[in-house]
Amino acid sequence: KSKVEMYSQNRKVQTSSISSRHYKTIDGTAIAGVDYIATSGQLNLYKDESYAIIAIELLDDNIKESNEYFSLQVSDPNYGSFGDGVVTLTAIRTIVDDDFF
C-alpha cells in the first residue's frame, strides 16, 4: 500500500474566509476497491495557504497487468471558477505496474 500526492491546488487564498471545492476519484482502467481506494470530500484552503494535498491509497494486488489509470475530479469552487470560467478540473493518475513474476 502506498499513498501518493494526487492534486495540489496552487493558489494562495487572498480572502479572510475559507476557499473550498469538492473532489472525487473516478475509475478509468483502474478500479476503486481493486487498484486504489476511492475517495471524495471537500478540500478547504484557508487564508495564506497556497496548496493542499489529497492522498489516494493504492492497492497492491501482486498480479502482473498493464499500467492502469484513474482520475481525480475537483469541482464547484466556492468563488465561482478556477479562472477563465473553468468550474471542473480533472487530473489523471497512472498506476505503473510493479508486479514482476
Protein backbone atom coordinates (compact mmCIF):
# COMPACT_ATOMS: atom_id res chain seq x y z
CA LYS A 1 0.00 0.00 0.00
CA SER A 2 1.20 3.47 -0.72
CA LYS A 3 -0.12 6.98 -0.64
CA VAL A 4 0.52 9.33 -3.50
CA GLU A 5 0.12 13.06 -3.91
CA MET A 6 -2.64 13.37 -6.42
CA TYR A 7 -3.59 17.01 -6.50
CA SER A 8 -2.04 20.26 -5.45
CA GLN A 9 -4.13 23.41 -5.52
CA ASN A 10 -1.58 26.10 -6.30
CA ARG A 11 -3.48 29.21 -5.36
CA LYS A 12 -2.82 31.46 -2.43
CA VAL A 13 -6.09 32.35 -0.74
CA GLN A 14 -6.43 36.12 -0.68
CA THR A 15 -9.58 36.28 1.40
CA SER A 16 -10.21 36.06 5.12
CA SER A 17 -12.66 33.20 4.58
CA ILE A 18 -12.31 29.58 3.51
CA SER A 19 -11.87 28.71 -0.18
CA SER A 20 -13.46 25.31 -0.80
CA ARG A 21 -14.13 22.86 -3.60
CA HIS A 22 -15.39 19.28 -3.90
CA TYR A 23 -13.31 16.34 -5.09
CA LYS A 24 -13.86 12.68 -6.03
CA THR A 25 -11.98 9.84 -7.69
CA ILE A 26 -13.31 8.38 -10.94
CA ASP A 27 -12.49 4.93 -12.31
CA GLY A 28 -10.62 4.59 -15.57
CA THR A 29 -8.92 1.29 -16.31
CA ALA A 30 -8.03 1.21 -12.58
CA ILE A 31 -10.98 0.14 -10.44
CA ALA A 32 -11.77 1.51 -6.98
CA GLY A 33 -11.54 -1.23 -4.35
CA VAL A 34 -9.28 -3.30 -6.58
CA ASP A 35 -6.48 -0.94 -7.62
CA TYR A 36 -6.98 2.06 -5.32
CA ILE A 37 -9.26 3.29 -2.53
CA ALA A 38 -11.97 5.65 -3.79
CA THR A 39 -12.22 8.97 -2.03
CA SER A 40 -14.38 12.06 -2.11
CA GLY A 41 -14.92 15.09 0.03
CA GLN A 42 -14.38 18.79 0.35
CA LEU A 43 -11.00 20.45 0.08
CA ASN A 44 -10.56 23.65 2.08
CA LEU A 45 -7.83 26.23 1.72
CA TYR A 46 -7.53 28.80 4.46
CA LYS A 47 -6.10 32.29 4.32
CA ASP A 48 -2.39 32.27 3.38
CA GLU A 49 -2.39 28.60 2.33
CA SER A 50 -1.00 28.05 -1.15
CA TYR A 51 -1.62 24.32 -1.68
CA ALA A 52 -3.41 21.24 -0.39
CA ILE A 53 -2.76 17.53 -0.93
CA ILE A 54 -5.31 14.80 -1.46
CA ALA A 55 -3.79 11.39 -0.75
CA ILE A 56 -5.09 8.39 -2.69
CA GLU A 57 -4.19 4.94 -1.36
CA LEU A 58 -3.04 2.44 -3.99
CA LEU A 59 -3.74 -1.27 -3.52
CA ASP A 60 -1.11 -3.85 -4.42
CA ASP A 61 -2.67 -6.98 -5.90
CA ASN A 62 0.51 -8.87 -6.88
CA ILE A 63 -0.97 -9.54 -10.33
CA LYS A 64 1.05 -8.75 -13.44
CA GLU A 65 -1.04 -6.40 -15.56
CA SER A 66 -0.76 -3.35 -17.76
CA ASN A 67 -0.42 0.14 -16.36
CA GLU A 68 -3.82 1.49 -15.32
CA TYR A 69 -5.24 4.95 -14.66
CA PHE A 70 -7.89 6.72 -12.62
CA SER A 71 -8.89 10.36 -12.34
CA LEU A 72 -9.45 12.90 -9.61
CA GLN A 73 -12.12 15.48 -10.35
CA VAL A 74 -12.15 18.78 -8.45
CA SER A 75 -15.23 20.94 -8.91
CA ASP A 76 -17.58 23.59 -7.55
CA PRO A 77 -15.13 26.21 -6.30
CA ASN A 78 -16.99 28.45 -3.88
CA TYR A 79 -15.62 31.59 -5.54
CA GLY A 80 -17.19 30.78 -8.92
CA SER A 81 -14.39 29.28 -11.02
CA PHE A 82 -10.75 28.20 -11.14
CA GLY A 83 -10.13 31.01 -13.62
CA ASP A 84 -11.28 31.64 -17.18
CA GLY A 85 -14.74 30.29 -16.25
CA VAL A 86 -13.41 26.74 -15.57
CA VAL A 87 -15.54 25.05 -12.87
CA THR A 88 -14.14 21.49 -13.03
CA LEU A 89 -10.54 20.28 -13.09
CA THR A 90 -9.59 16.67 -13.80
CA ALA A 91 -6.20 15.09 -13.07
CA ILE A 92 -5.29 11.66 -14.45
CA ARG A 93 -3.01 9.39 -12.43
CA THR A 94 -1.27 6.35 -13.93
CA ILE A 95 -0.60 3.37 -11.71
CA VAL A 96 2.58 1.78 -13.08
CA ASP A 97 2.53 -2.00 -12.70
CA ASP A 98 5.32 -3.11 -10.36
CA ASP A 99 4.32 -6.78 -10.06
CA PHE A 100 7.02 -8.88 -11.67
CA PHE A 101 6.99 -12.66 -11.86
